[in-house]
N, C-alpha and C. Protein backbone atom coordinates (compact mmCIF):
# COMPACT_ATOMS: atom_id res chain seq x y z
N MET A 1 6.09 9.48 12.18
CA MET A 1 5.04 8.68 12.46
C MET A 1 5.24 7.36 11.68
N THR A 2 5.16 6.45 12.51
CA THR A 2 5.19 4.86 11.44
C THR A 2 4.18 4.54 10.63
N SER A 3 4.40 4.31 9.57
CA SER A 3 3.10 4.16 8.26
C SER A 3 3.46 3.13 7.30
N TYR A 4 2.64 2.36 6.83
CA TYR A 4 2.82 1.29 5.88
C TYR A 4 2.49 1.93 4.49
N PHE A 5 3.18 1.56 3.29
CA PHE A 5 2.31 1.62 2.03
C PHE A 5 2.49 0.12 1.39
N VAL A 6 1.65 0.36 0.36
CA VAL A 6 1.28 -1.06 -0.11
C VAL A 6 1.46 -0.75 -1.80
N THR A 7 2.48 -1.22 -2.56
CA THR A 7 2.44 -0.83 -3.83
C THR A 7 1.67 -1.51 -4.93
N PHE A 8 1.27 -1.03 -5.96
CA PHE A 8 0.60 -1.64 -6.89
C PHE A 8 1.02 -1.14 -8.48
N ARG A 9 0.96 -1.87 -9.55
CA ARG A 9 1.68 -1.80 -10.80
C ARG A 9 0.65 -0.55 -11.44
N SER A 10 -0.38 -0.09 -11.11
CA SER A 10 -1.10 0.62 -12.12
C SER A 10 -1.70 1.58 -10.93
N VAL A 11 -2.33 2.69 -11.63
CA VAL A 11 -3.20 3.39 -10.93
C VAL A 11 -4.79 2.50 -11.05
N THR A 12 -5.22 1.78 -11.80
CA THR A 12 -5.83 1.20 -11.69
C THR A 12 -6.55 0.13 -10.48
N TYR A 13 -5.39 -0.80 -10.06
CA TYR A 13 -5.23 -1.28 -9.32
C TYR A 13 -5.34 -0.58 -7.70
N ALA A 14 -4.44 0.34 -7.67
CA ALA A 14 -4.50 1.30 -6.77
C ALA A 14 -5.84 2.00 -6.47
N GLN A 15 -6.24 2.23 -7.18
CA GLN A 15 -7.76 2.50 -7.15
C GLN A 15 -8.79 1.52 -6.51
N ARG A 16 -8.92 0.30 -7.46
CA ARG A 16 -9.54 -0.63 -6.97
C ARG A 16 -9.23 -1.21 -5.56
N GLY A 17 -7.85 -1.04 -5.03
CA GLY A 17 -7.51 -1.39 -3.60
C GLY A 17 -8.16 -0.08 -2.41
N GLU A 18 -8.15 1.39 -3.11
CA GLU A 18 -8.84 2.12 -2.61
C GLU A 18 -10.26 1.57 -2.00
N ARG A 19 -10.94 1.28 -3.15
CA ARG A 19 -12.53 1.07 -2.77
C ARG A 19 -12.75 -0.08 -1.96
N VAL A 20 -11.54 -1.19 -2.24
CA VAL A 20 -11.83 -2.51 -1.37
C VAL A 20 -11.85 -2.12 -0.08
N LEU A 21 -10.56 -1.36 0.53
CA LEU A 21 -10.39 -0.76 1.47
C LEU A 21 -11.27 -0.10 2.29
N ARG A 22 -11.74 0.96 1.61
CA ARG A 22 -12.65 2.16 2.04
C ARG A 22 -14.02 1.29 2.56
N SER A 23 -14.42 0.34 1.56
CA SER A 23 -15.26 -0.40 2.13
C SER A 23 -15.17 -1.57 2.86
N ALA A 24 -14.17 -1.65 3.54
CA ALA A 24 -14.04 -2.61 4.86
C ALA A 24 -13.52 -1.82 5.94
N GLY A 25 -13.89 -0.44 5.65
CA GLY A 25 -13.64 0.43 6.97
C GLY A 25 -12.03 0.78 7.08
N ILE A 26 -11.31 0.51 6.07
CA ILE A 26 -9.83 0.64 6.29
C ILE A 26 -9.32 2.18 5.93
N GLY A 27 -9.11 3.23 6.50
CA GLY A 27 -8.65 4.40 6.11
C GLY A 27 -7.24 4.09 5.15
N CYS A 28 -6.96 4.98 3.98
CA CYS A 28 -6.15 4.99 2.98
C CYS A 28 -5.95 5.91 2.60
N SER A 29 -5.06 6.64 1.72
CA SER A 29 -4.54 7.53 0.89
C SER A 29 -3.53 6.78 0.01
N MET A 30 -4.25 7.55 -1.14
CA MET A 30 -3.33 6.78 -2.34
C MET A 30 -2.48 7.99 -3.00
N GLN A 31 -1.62 7.55 -3.67
CA GLN A 31 -0.02 8.37 -3.78
C GLN A 31 0.93 7.37 -4.79
N ARG A 32 1.61 8.36 -5.34
CA ARG A 32 2.64 7.94 -6.23
C ARG A 32 3.71 7.21 -5.26
N THR A 33 4.24 6.04 -5.98
CA THR A 33 5.20 5.21 -5.21
C THR A 33 6.65 5.89 -5.70
N PRO A 34 7.52 5.93 -4.72
CA PRO A 34 8.78 6.67 -4.65
C PRO A 34 9.33 6.10 -5.61
N ARG A 35 10.01 6.79 -6.47
CA ARG A 35 10.79 6.12 -7.73
C ARG A 35 11.97 5.04 -7.06
N VAL A 36 12.67 5.34 -6.10
CA VAL A 36 13.79 4.46 -5.44
C VAL A 36 12.99 3.31 -5.40
N LEU A 37 11.99 3.09 -5.18
CA LEU A 37 11.62 1.66 -4.67
C LEU A 37 10.43 1.05 -5.90
N GLU A 38 10.49 1.65 -6.85
CA GLU A 38 9.76 0.82 -8.16
C GLU A 38 10.53 0.55 -9.18
N GLU A 39 10.84 -0.50 -9.61
CA GLU A 39 11.72 -1.06 -10.37
C GLU A 39 11.51 -0.32 -11.80
N ARG A 40 10.15 -0.15 -12.07
CA ARG A 40 9.61 0.17 -13.58
C ARG A 40 9.47 1.75 -13.27
N GLY A 41 9.52 2.28 -12.59
CA GLY A 41 9.22 3.78 -12.50
C GLY A 41 7.99 4.11 -12.77
N CYS A 42 7.01 3.29 -12.62
CA CYS A 42 5.48 4.10 -12.41
C CYS A 42 5.06 3.37 -11.55
N GLY A 43 4.23 3.53 -10.84
CA GLY A 43 3.54 2.77 -9.60
C GLY A 43 2.67 3.72 -8.79
N TYR A 44 1.72 3.45 -8.02
CA TYR A 44 1.14 3.78 -7.46
C TYR A 44 0.90 2.91 -5.97
N SER A 45 0.68 3.91 -4.90
CA SER A 45 0.45 3.18 -3.96
C SER A 45 -0.60 3.41 -2.58
N LEU A 46 -0.89 2.77 -1.96
CA LEU A 46 -2.01 3.28 -0.65
C LEU A 46 -1.23 3.19 0.60
N ALA A 47 -1.31 4.33 1.00
CA ALA A 47 -0.40 4.78 2.69
C ALA A 47 -1.48 4.27 3.66
N LEU A 48 -1.28 3.23 4.69
CA LEU A 48 -1.80 3.04 5.70
C LEU A 48 -1.48 3.45 7.14
N SER A 49 -2.13 3.36 8.17
CA SER A 49 -1.61 3.77 9.50
C SER A 49 -1.29 2.28 9.69
N ALA A 50 -0.13 2.36 10.96
CA ALA A 50 0.60 1.48 11.42
C ALA A 50 -0.11 0.28 11.72
N GLY A 51 -1.50 0.60 12.57
CA GLY A 51 -2.23 -0.81 12.89
C GLY A 51 -3.32 -1.32 11.95
N ALA A 52 -2.85 -1.03 10.77
CA ALA A 52 -3.95 -1.17 9.68
C ALA A 52 -3.73 -2.51 8.88
N LEU A 53 -2.13 -2.97 8.86
CA LEU A 53 -1.38 -3.40 7.39
C LEU A 53 -1.93 -4.74 7.49
N TYR A 54 -2.35 -5.83 8.48
CA TYR A 54 -2.47 -7.20 8.22
C TYR A 54 -4.26 -7.41 7.80
N GLN A 55 -4.66 -6.30 8.27
CA GLN A 55 -6.32 -6.04 7.95
C GLN A 55 -6.39 -5.82 6.53
N ALA A 56 -5.72 -4.77 6.24
CA ALA A 56 -5.73 -4.16 4.61
C ALA A 56 -5.24 -5.53 3.96
N VAL A 57 -3.99 -5.92 3.79
CA VAL A 57 -3.82 -6.75 3.10
C VAL A 57 -4.70 -8.19 2.80
N ALA A 58 -5.18 -8.57 4.20
CA ALA A 58 -6.57 -9.62 4.16
C ALA A 58 -7.31 -9.16 3.08
N ALA A 59 -8.05 -7.78 3.13
CA ALA A 59 -9.11 -7.26 2.34
C ALA A 59 -8.46 -7.56 0.93
N LEU A 60 -7.20 -6.82 0.70
CA LEU A 60 -7.13 -6.82 -0.81
C LEU A 60 -7.00 -8.47 -1.31
N ARG A 61 -6.72 -9.14 -0.75
CA ARG A 61 -6.63 -10.41 -1.01
C ARG A 61 -7.78 -11.14 -1.57
N GLN A 62 -8.79 -10.86 -0.40
CA GLN A 62 -10.37 -11.14 -0.37
C GLN A 62 -10.91 -10.94 -1.67
N GLY A 63 -10.72 -9.47 -1.86
CA GLY A 63 -11.12 -8.96 -3.15
C GLY A 63 -10.42 -8.98 -4.58
N ASN A 64 -9.35 -10.00 -4.50
CA ASN A 64 -8.57 -10.35 -5.47
C ASN A 64 -7.88 -8.79 -6.07
N VAL A 65 -7.34 -8.25 -5.30
CA VAL A 65 -6.58 -7.11 -6.03
C VAL A 65 -5.33 -7.13 -5.98
N PRO A 66 -4.72 -7.46 -6.91
CA PRO A 66 -2.90 -8.00 -6.83
C PRO A 66 -2.41 -6.38 -6.62
N PHE A 67 -1.24 -6.90 -5.70
CA PHE A 67 -0.32 -5.77 -5.21
C PHE A 67 0.96 -6.29 -5.04
N ARG A 68 1.86 -5.07 -5.03
CA ARG A 68 3.50 -5.87 -5.56
C ARG A 68 3.73 -5.81 -4.06
N ARG A 69 4.23 -5.24 -3.39
CA ARG A 69 5.03 -5.15 -2.33
C ARG A 69 4.42 -4.22 -1.43
N VAL A 70 4.77 -4.38 0.28
CA VAL A 70 4.61 -3.64 1.36
C VAL A 70 5.68 -3.22 2.16
N TYR A 71 5.86 -1.78 2.25
CA TYR A 71 7.09 -0.93 2.55
C TYR A 71 6.36 -0.38 3.99
N LEU A 72 7.61 -0.27 5.24
CA LEU A 72 7.42 0.44 6.29
C LEU A 72 8.16 1.82 6.46
N ARG A 73 7.72 2.81 6.45
CA ARG A 73 8.12 3.90 6.55
C ARG A 73 8.23 4.37 8.27
N ASP A 74 9.28 4.50 8.68
CA ASP A 74 9.56 4.72 10.08
C ASP A 74 9.58 6.29 10.49
N GLY A 75 9.46 6.64 11.80
CA GLY A 75 9.23 7.80 12.21
C GLY A 75 10.43 8.82 11.71
N ASP A 76 11.84 8.22 11.45
CA ASP A 76 13.03 9.16 11.01
C ASP A 76 12.98 9.37 9.50
N GLY A 77 11.87 8.43 8.60
CA GLY A 77 11.95 8.38 7.18
C GLY A 77 12.72 7.46 6.40
N SER A 78 13.47 6.45 7.06
CA SER A 78 13.98 5.39 6.39
C SER A 78 12.38 4.60 5.75
N ILE A 79 12.99 3.83 4.74
CA ILE A 79 11.95 2.82 4.53
C ILE A 79 12.69 1.51 4.52
N ARG A 80 11.69 0.22 4.52
CA ARG A 80 12.23 -1.06 4.43
C ARG A 80 11.24 -1.74 3.99
N GLU A 81 11.36 -2.81 2.99
CA GLU A 81 10.45 -3.61 2.49
C GLU A 81 9.94 -4.86 3.97
N VAL A 82 8.79 -4.93 4.07
CA VAL A 82 8.08 -5.88 4.78
C VAL A 82 7.95 -7.17 3.98
N GLU A 83 8.18 -8.21 4.93
CA GLU A 83 7.95 -9.79 4.40
C GLU A 83 6.64 -10.03 4.66
N LEU A 84 5.63 -10.61 4.40
CA LEU A 84 4.43 -10.87 4.70
C LEU A 84 4.20 -12.41 4.98
């Protein structure tokens, strides 16, 4: 299954992002960011379904919730960064 995840620098920003997305009706789940993707070794992400990415990014920006990067996880498990 294809999914996206938005990375944050701290659990606090991820929690704020989760609240903003849920209040906008966008489903998400918080998780630790895989270490291979996190240059500082500490970070959290919100996992999103494939169809919710642009709506989620718009909601985060409107809610002034800073995020780092967005990644796509393909059905085969490969991960790549998404340019917005």
